[in-house]
Amino acid sequence: MKASLFRTACLVLSLMGLAACKPEPPPTDEPPEPQATAAGNTELRDAIQKPIDQAKAVEDTVQEAADKNSAAIDAASQ
């Protein structure tokens, strides 16, 4: 009986102690230091931008083909 009460008391005290521990917030008077620079690390941006640029390059060709197809359909239906 006493061991069970002792365990319960220890558990409650440890949980209260853990609940009281909170990390200290960073000071708000100074802005955080930047961790990355835009000048040196462009490989990822270039890898993402390359397919987008390729798609934009063929956009006019695709639109021209669609216009020709639409004109052919209109001519055939008249």
PDB file of N, CA and C in Angstrom:
ATOM      1  N   MET A   1       0.828  -1.188   0.000  1.00  0.00           N
ATOM      2  CA  MET A   1       0.000   0.000   0.000  1.00  0.00           C
ATOM      3  C   MET A   1       0.874   1.254   0.000  1.00  0.00           C
ATOM      4  N   LYS A   2       1.888   1.263   0.885  1.00  0.00           N
ATOM      5  CA  LYS A   2       2.756   2.423   0.982  1.00  0.00           C
ATOM      6  C   LYS A   2       3.579   2.583  -0.290  1.00  0.00           C
ATOM      7  N   ALA A   3       3.997   1.473  -0.910  1.00  0.00           N
ATOM      8  CA  ALA A   3       4.793   1.545  -2.135  1.00  0.00           C
ATOM      9  C   ALA A   3       3.956   2.123  -3.270  1.00  0.00           C
ATOM     10  N   SER A   4       2.704   1.736  -3.346  1.00  0.00           N
ATOM     11  CA  SER A   4       1.823   2.239  -4.388  1.00  0.00           C
ATOM     12  C   SER A   4       1.586   3.746  -4.212  1.00  0.00           C
ATOM     13  N   LEU A   5       1.383   4.172  -2.985  1.00  0.00           N
ATOM     14  CA  LEU A   5       1.180   5.585  -2.704  1.00  0.00           C
ATOM     15  C   LEU A   5       2.452   6.371  -3.016  1.00  0.00           C
ATOM     16  N   PHE A   6       3.602   5.801  -2.675  1.00  0.00           N
ATOM     17  CA  PHE A   6       4.879   6.450  -2.943  1.00  0.00           C
ATOM     18  C   PHE A   6       5.105   6.587  -4.453  1.00  0.00           C
ATOM     19  N   ARG A   7       4.808   5.537  -5.211  1.00  0.00           N
ATOM     20  CA  ARG A   7       4.966   5.586  -6.678  1.00  0.00           C
ATOM     21  C   ARG A   7       4.046   6.637  -7.289  1.00  0.00           C
ATOM     22  N   THR A   8       2.835   6.677  -6.804  1.00  0.00           N
ATOM     23  CA  THR A   8       1.874   7.649  -7.331  1.00  0.00           C
ATOM     24  C   THR A   8       2.333   9.074  -7.028  1.00  0.00           C
ATOM     25  N   ALA A   9       2.832   9.297  -5.822  1.00  0.00           N
ATOM     26  CA  ALA A   9       3.304  10.625  -5.454  1.00  0.00           C
ATOM     27  C   ALA A   9       4.514  11.016  -6.295  1.00  0.00           C
ATOM     28  N   CYS A  10       5.434  10.077  -6.511  1.00  0.00           N
ATOM     29  CA  CYS A  10       6.606  10.366  -7.348  1.00  0.00           C
ATOM     30  C   CYS A  10       6.189  10.680  -8.780  1.00  0.00           C
ATOM     31  N   LEU A  11       5.237   9.933  -9.291  1.00  0.00           N
ATOM     32  CA  LEU A  11       4.753  10.152 -10.649  1.00  0.00           C
ATOM     33  C   LEU A  11       4.114  11.532 -10.785  1.00  0.00           C
ATOM     34  N   VAL A  12       3.292  11.890  -9.834  1.00  0.00           N
ATOM     35  CA  VAL A  12       2.624  13.191  -9.874  1.00  0.00           C
ATOM     36  C   VAL A  12       3.646  14.318  -9.772  1.00  0.00           C
ATOM     37  N   LEU A  13       4.618  14.188  -8.878  1.00  0.00           N
ATOM     38  CA  LEU A  13       5.634  15.229  -8.724  1.00  0.00           C
ATOM     39  C   LEU A  13       6.494  15.352  -9.978  1.00  0.00           C
ATOM     40  N   SER A  14       6.857  14.220 -10.579  1.00  0.00           N
ATOM     41  CA  SER A  14       7.670  14.307 -11.793  1.00  0.00           C
ATOM     42  C   SER A  14       6.882  14.912 -12.944  1.00  0.00           C
ATOM     43  N   LEU A  15       5.621  14.582 -13.068  1.00  0.00           N
ATOM     44  CA  LEU A  15       4.809  15.186 -14.134  1.00  0.00           C
ATOM     45  C   LEU A  15       4.646  16.685 -13.917  1.00  0.00           C
ATOM     46  N   MET A  16       4.489  17.097 -12.678  1.00  0.00           N
ATOM     47  CA  MET A  16       4.382  18.527 -12.405  1.00  0.00           C
ATOM     48  C   MET A  16       5.702  19.230 -12.716  1.00  0.00           C
ATOM     49  N   GLY A  17       6.807  18.583 -12.408  1.00  0.00           N
ATOM     50  CA  GLY A  17       8.107  19.165 -12.709  1.00  0.00           C
ATOM     51  C   GLY A  17       8.341  19.283 -14.202  1.00  0.00           C
ATOM     52  N   LEU A  18       7.960  18.258 -14.955  1.00  0.00           N
ATOM     53  CA  LEU A  18       8.116  18.306 -16.410  1.00  0.00           C
ATOM     54  C   LEU A  18       7.199  19.348 -17.044  1.00  0.00           C
ATOM     55  N   ALA A  19       6.017  19.507 -16.494  1.00  0.00           N
ATOM     56  CA  ALA A  19       5.079  20.484 -17.043  1.00  0.00           C
ATOM     57  C   ALA A  19       5.561  21.908 -16.800  1.00  0.00           C
ATOM     58  N   ALA A  20       6.346  22.114 -15.753  1.00  0.00           N
ATOM     59  CA  ALA A  20       6.832  23.451 -15.439  1.00  0.00           C
ATOM     60  C   ALA A  20       8.005  23.860 -16.318  1.00  0.00           C
ATOM     61  N   CYS A  21       8.657  22.909 -16.971  1.00  0.00           N
ATOM     62  CA  CYS A  21       9.820  23.220 -17.814  1.00  0.00           C
ATOM     63  C   CYS A  21       9.353  23.741 -19.166  1.00  0.00           C
ATOM     64  N   LYS A  22       9.694  24.958 -19.470  1.00  0.00           N
ATOM     65  CA  LYS A  22       9.365  25.548 -20.761  1.00  0.00           C
ATOM     66  C   LYS A  22      10.621  26.204 -21.303  1.00  0.00           C
ATOM     67  N   PRO A  23      10.882  26.084 -22.593  1.00  0.00           N
ATOM     68  CA  PRO A  23      12.069  26.746 -23.148  1.00  0.00           C
ATOM     69  C   PRO A  23      11.888  28.264 -23.136  1.00  0.00           C
ATOM     70  N   GLU A  24      12.983  28.953 -22.963  1.00  0.00           N
ATOM     71  CA  GLU A  24      12.941  30.406 -22.939  1.00  0.00           C
ATOM     72  C   GLU A  24      12.754  30.928 -24.362  1.00  0.00           C
ATOM     73  N   PRO A  25      11.790  31.812 -24.590  1.00  0.00           N
ATOM     74  CA  PRO A  25      11.587  32.331 -25.948  1.00  0.00           C
ATOM     75  C   PRO A  25      12.772  33.203 -26.364  1.00  0.00           C
ATOM     76  N   PRO A  26      13.048  33.277 -27.663  1.00  0.00           N
ATOM     77  CA  PRO A  26      14.163  34.112 -28.117  1.00  0.00           C
ATOM     78  C   PRO A  26      13.847  35.593 -27.900  1.00  0.00           C
ATOM     79  N   PRO A  27      14.873  36.411 -27.732  1.00  0.00           N
ATOM     80  CA  PRO A  27      14.615  37.836 -27.542  1.00  0.00           C
ATOM     81  C   PRO A  27      13.996  38.443 -28.800  1.00  0.00           C
ATOM     82  N   THR A  28      13.042  39.335 -28.599  1.00  0.00           N
ATOM     83  CA  THR A  28      12.318  39.911 -29.734  1.00  0.00           C
ATOM     84  C   THR A  28      12.904  41.236 -30.198  1.00  0.00           C
ATOM     85  N   ASP A  29      13.889  41.774 -29.483  1.00  0.00           N
ATOM     86  CA  ASP A  29      14.433  43.066 -29.879  1.00  0.00           C
ATOM     87  C   ASP A  29      15.437  42.957 -31.023  1.00  0.00           C
ATOM     88  N   GLU A  30      15.947  41.761 -31.296  1.00  0.00           N
ATOM     89  CA  GLU A  30      16.898  41.577 -32.396  1.00  0.00           C
ATOM     90  C   GLU A  30      16.306  40.616 -33.430  1.00  0.00           C
ATOM     91  N   PRO A  31      16.376  40.968 -34.706  1.00  0.00           N
ATOM     92  CA  PRO A  31      15.875  40.044 -35.722  1.00  0.00           C
ATOM     93  C   PRO A  31      16.811  38.841 -35.842  1.00  0.00           C
ATOM     94  N   PRO A  32      16.304  37.694 -36.267  1.00  0.00           N
ATOM     95  CA  PRO A  32      17.146  36.515 -36.399  1.00  0.00           C
ATOM     96  C   PRO A  32      18.155  36.681 -37.532  1.00  0.00           C
ATOM     97  N   GLU A  33      19.278  36.035 -37.399  1.00  0.00           N
ATOM     98  CA  GLU A  33      20.312  36.073 -38.433  1.00  0.00           C
ATOM     99  C   GLU A  33      19.864  35.241 -39.629  1.00  0.00           C
ATOM    100  N   PRO A  34      20.079  35.713 -40.847  1.00  0.00           N
ATOM    101  CA  PRO A  34      19.721  34.899 -42.019  1.00  0.00           C
ATOM    102  C   PRO A  34      20.613  33.664 -42.092  1.00  0.00           C
ATOM    103  N   GLN A  35      20.026  32.529 -42.490  1.00  0.00           N
ATOM    104  CA  GLN A  35      20.770  31.285 -42.525  1.00  0.00           C
ATOM    105  C   GLN A  35      21.146  30.878 -43.940  1.00  0.00           C
ATOM    106  N   ALA A  36      20.606  31.506 -44.931  1.00  0.00           N
ATOM    107  CA  ALA A  36      20.924  31.157 -46.312  1.00  0.00           C
ATOM    108  C   ALA A  36      21.093  32.446 -47.116  1.00  0.00           C
ATOM    109  N   THR A  37      21.916  32.372 -48.131  1.00  0.00           N
ATOM    110  CA  THR A  37      22.097  33.517 -49.013  1.00  0.00           C
ATOM    111  C   THR A  37      21.581  33.161 -50.388  1.00  0.00           C
ATOM    112  N   ALA A  38      21.027  34.125 -51.069  1.00  0.00           N
ATOM    113  CA  ALA A  38      20.455  33.880 -52.386  1.00  0.00           C
ATOM    114  C   ALA A  38      21.518  33.867 -53.474  1.00  0.00           C
ATOM    115  N   ALA A  39      22.675  34.406 -53.215  1.00  0.00           N
ATOM    116  CA  ALA A  39      23.685  34.536 -54.255  1.00  0.00           C
ATOM    117  C   ALA A  39      24.392  33.220 -54.550  1.00  0.00           C
ATOM    118  N   GLY A  40      24.681  32.413 -53.541  1.00  0.00           N
ATOM    119  CA  GLY A  40      25.511  31.242 -53.746  1.00  0.00           C
ATOM    120  C   GLY A  40      24.769  29.955 -54.025  1.00  0.00           C
ATOM    121  N   ASN A  41      23.574  29.789 -53.535  1.00  0.00           N
ATOM    122  CA  ASN A  41      22.868  28.516 -53.636  1.00  0.00           C
ATOM    123  C   ASN A  41      21.744  28.604 -54.652  1.00  0.00           C
ATOM    124  N   THR A  42      22.069  28.411 -55.919  1.00  0.00           N
ATOM    125  CA  THR A  42      21.048  28.538 -56.959  1.00  0.00           C
ATOM    126  C   THR A  42      20.784  27.228 -57.676  1.00  0.00           C
ATOM    127  N   GLU A  43      21.449  26.145 -57.294  1.00  0.00           N
ATOM    128  CA  GLU A  43      21.272  24.886 -58.014  1.00  0.00           C
ATOM    129  C   GLU A  43      19.833  24.383 -57.914  1.00  0.00           C
ATOM    130  N   LEU A  44      19.263  24.410 -56.735  1.00  0.00           N
ATOM    131  CA  LEU A  44      17.900  23.920 -56.558  1.00  0.00           C
ATOM    132  C   LEU A  44      16.910  24.800 -57.312  1.00  0.00           C
ATOM    133  N   ARG A  45      17.092  26.121 -57.212  1.00  0.00           N
ATOM    134  CA  ARG A  45      16.190  27.027 -57.927  1.00  0.00           C
ATOM    135  C   ARG A  45      16.280  26.801 -59.425  1.00  0.00           C
ATOM    136  N   ASP A  46      17.498  26.621 -59.948  1.00  0.00           N
ATOM    137  CA  ASP A  46      17.672  26.384 -61.379  1.00  0.00           C
ATOM    138  C   ASP A  46      17.053  25.058 -61.798  1.00  0.00           C
ATOM    139  N   ALA A  47      17.180  24.033 -60.956  1.00  0.00           N
ATOM    140  CA  ALA A  47      16.606  22.727 -61.273  1.00  0.00           C
ATOM    141  C   ALA A  47      15.083  22.790 -61.322  1.00  0.00           C
ATOM    142  N   ILE A  48      14.491  23.630 -60.504  1.00  0.00           N
ATOM    143  CA  ILE A  48      13.034  23.782 -60.510  1.00  0.00           C
ATOM    144  C   ILE A  48      12.597  24.662 -61.677  1.00  0.00           C
ATOM    145  N   GLN A  49      13.368  25.697 -61.977  1.00  0.00           N
ATOM    146  CA  GLN A  49      12.980  26.669 -62.997  1.00  0.00           C
ATOM    147  C   GLN A  49      13.157  26.136 -64.411  1.00  0.00           C
ATOM    148  N   LYS A  50      14.091  25.211 -64.641  1.00  0.00           N
ATOM    149  CA  LYS A  50      14.385  24.731 -65.992  1.00  0.00           C
ATOM    150  C   LYS A  50      13.159  24.138 -66.691  1.00  0.00           C
ATOM    151  N   PRO A  51      12.405  23.200 -66.088  1.00  0.00           N
ATOM    152  CA  PRO A  51      11.211  22.684 -66.780  1.00  0.00           C
ATOM    153  C   PRO A  51      10.140  23.744 -67.016  1.00  0.00           C
ATOM    154  N   ILE A  52      10.053  24.704 -66.132  1.00  0.00           N
ATOM    155  CA  ILE A  52       9.067  25.779 -66.312  1.00  0.00           C
ATOM    156  C   ILE A  52       9.438  26.621 -67.527  1.00  0.00           C
ATOM    157  N   ASP A  53      10.720  26.933 -67.657  1.00  0.00           N
ATOM    158  CA  ASP A  53      11.175  27.704 -68.819  1.00  0.00           C
ATOM    159  C   ASP A  53      10.971  26.922 -70.115  1.00  0.00           C
ATOM    160  N   GLN A  54      11.222  25.614 -70.082  1.00  0.00           N
ATOM    161  CA  GLN A  54      11.013  24.795 -71.278  1.00  0.00           C
ATOM    162  C   GLN A  54       9.539  24.780 -71.674  1.00  0.00           C
ATOM    163  N   ALA A  55       8.664  24.685 -70.697  1.00  0.00           N
ATOM    164  CA  ALA A  55       7.228  24.679 -70.991  1.00  0.00           C
ATOM    165  C   ALA A  55       6.784  26.011 -71.586  1.00  0.00           C
ATOM    166  N   LYS A  56       7.333  27.105 -71.080  1.00  0.00           N
ATOM    167  CA  LYS A  56       6.984  28.410 -71.634  1.00  0.00           C
ATOM    168  C   LYS A  56       7.514  28.567 -73.059  1.00  0.00           C
ATOM    169  N   ALA A  57       8.648  27.934 -73.344  1.00  0.00           N
ATOM    170  CA  ALA A  57       9.238  28.047 -74.678  1.00  0.00           C
ATOM    171  C   ALA A  57       8.387  27.351 -75.733  1.00  0.00           C
ATOM    172  N   VAL A  58       7.718  26.266 -75.393  1.00  0.00           N
ATOM    173  CA  VAL A  58       6.914  25.544 -76.387  1.00  0.00           C
ATOM    174  C   VAL A  58       5.447  25.972 -76.366  1.00  0.00           C
ATOM    175  N   GLU A  59       5.101  26.882 -75.492  1.00  0.00           N
ATOM    176  CA  GLU A  59       3.703  27.305 -75.386  1.00  0.00           C
ATOM    177  C   GLU A  59       3.195  27.899 -76.704  1.00  0.00           C
ATOM    178  N   ASP A  60       3.981  28.744 -77.355  1.00  0.00           N
ATOM    179  CA  ASP A  60       3.553  29.358 -78.611  1.00  0.00           C
ATOM    180  C   ASP A  60       3.364  28.309 -79.704  1.00  0.00           C
ATOM    181  N   THR A  61       4.249  27.324 -79.759  1.00  0.00           N
ATOM    182  CA  THR A  61       4.137  26.266 -80.762  1.00  0.00           C
ATOM    183  C   THR A  61       2.862  25.460 -80.561  1.00  0.00           C
ATOM    184  N   VAL A  62       2.572  25.124 -79.325  1.00  0.00           N
ATOM    185  CA  VAL A  62       1.362  24.354 -79.026  1.00  0.00           C
ATOM    186  C   VAL A  62       0.116  25.163 -79.357  1.00  0.00           C
ATOM    187  N   GLN A  63       0.127  26.444 -79.024  1.00  0.00           N
ATOM    188  CA  GLN A  63      -1.030  27.289 -79.323  1.00  0.00           C
ATOM    189  C   GLN A  63      -1.236  27.429 -80.826  1.00  0.00           C
ATOM    190  N   GLU A  64      -0.136  27.554 -81.567  1.00  0.00           N
ATOM    191  CA  GLU A  64      -0.232  27.655 -83.022  1.00  0.00           C
ATOM    192  C   GLU A  64      -0.815  26.375 -83.621  1.00  0.00           C
ATOM    193  N   ALA A  65      -0.384  25.222 -83.131  1.00  0.00           N
ATOM    194  CA  ALA A  65      -0.918  23.950 -83.617  1.00  0.00           C
ATOM    195  C   ALA A  65      -2.397  23.816 -83.276  1.00  0.00           C
ATOM    196  N   ALA A  66      -2.797  24.271 -82.101  1.00  0.00           N
ATOM    197  CA  ALA A  66      -4.205  24.208 -81.711  1.00  0.00           C
ATOM    198  C   ALA A  66      -5.050  25.122 -82.593  1.00  0.00           C
ATOM    199  N   ASP A  67      -4.532  26.293 -82.933  1.00  0.00           N
ATOM    200  CA  ASP A  67      -5.262  27.210 -83.806  1.00  0.00           C
ATOM    201  C   ASP A  67      -5.433  26.615 -85.209  1.00  0.00           C
ATOM    202  N   LYS A  68      -4.364  25.972 -85.725  1.00  0.00           N
ATOM    203  CA  LYS A  68      -4.456  25.331 -87.046  1.00  0.00           C
ATOM    204  C   LYS A  68      -5.464  24.191 -87.028  1.00  0.00           C
ATOM    205  N   ASN A  69      -5.459  23.425 -85.949  1.00  0.00           N
ATOM    206  CA  ASN A  69      -6.395  22.308 -85.826  1.00  0.00           C
ATOM    207  C   ASN A  69      -7.828  22.830 -85.768  1.00  0.00           C
ATOM    208  N   SER A  70      -8.038  23.900 -85.019  1.00  0.00           N
ATOM    209  CA  SER A  70      -9.369  24.485 -84.917  1.00  0.00           C
ATOM    210  C   SER A  70      -9.829  25.036 -86.266  1.00  0.00           C
ATOM    211  N   ALA A  71      -8.906  25.658 -87.004  1.00  0.00           N
ATOM    212  CA  ALA A  71      -9.250  26.191 -88.313  1.00  0.00           C
ATOM    213  C   ALA A  71      -9.571  25.060 -89.283  1.00  0.00           C
ATOM    214  N   ALA A  72      -8.848  23.952 -89.211  1.00  0.00           N
ATOM    215  CA  ALA A  72      -9.111  22.811 -90.086  1.00  0.00           C
ATOM    216  C   ALA A  72     -10.484  22.203 -89.789  1.00  0.00           C
ATOM    217  N   ILE A  73     -10.819  22.130 -88.507  1.00  0.00           N
ATOM    218  CA  ILE A  73     -12.136  21.587 -88.138  1.00  0.00           C
ATOM    219  C   ILE A  73     -13.249  22.508 -88.630  1.00  0.00           C
ATOM    220  N   ASP A  74     -13.039  23.814 -88.468  1.00  0.00           N
ATOM    221  CA  ASP A  74     -14.051  24.779 -88.943  1.00  0.00           C
ATOM    222  C   ASP A  74     -14.192  24.710 -90.453  1.00  0.00           C
ATOM    223  N   ALA A  75     -13.087  24.555 -91.187  1.00  0.00           N
ATOM    224  CA  ALA A  75     -13.147  24.483 -92.641  1.00  0.00           C
ATOM    225  C   ALA A  75     -13.837  23.193 -93.105  1.00  0.00           C
ATOM    226  N   ALA A  76     -13.606  22.118 -92.387  1.00  0.00           N
ATOM    227  CA  ALA A  76     -14.206  20.838 -92.767  1.00  0.00           C
ATOM    228  C   ALA A  76     -15.699  20.807 -92.456  1.00  0.00           C
ATOM    229  N   SER A  77     -16.133  21.551 -91.489  1.00  0.00           N
ATOM    230  CA  SER A  77     -17.547  21.495 -91.117  1.00  0.00           C
ATOM    231  C   SER A  77     -18.403  22.424 -91.974  1.00  0.00           C
ATOM    232  N   GLN A  78     -17.817  23.275 -92.809  1.00  0.00           N
ATOM    233  CA  GLN A  78     -18.609  24.202 -93.626  1.00  0.00           C
ATOM    234  C   GLN A  78     -18.943  23.648 -94.956  1.00  0.00           C
TER     235      GLN A  78
END
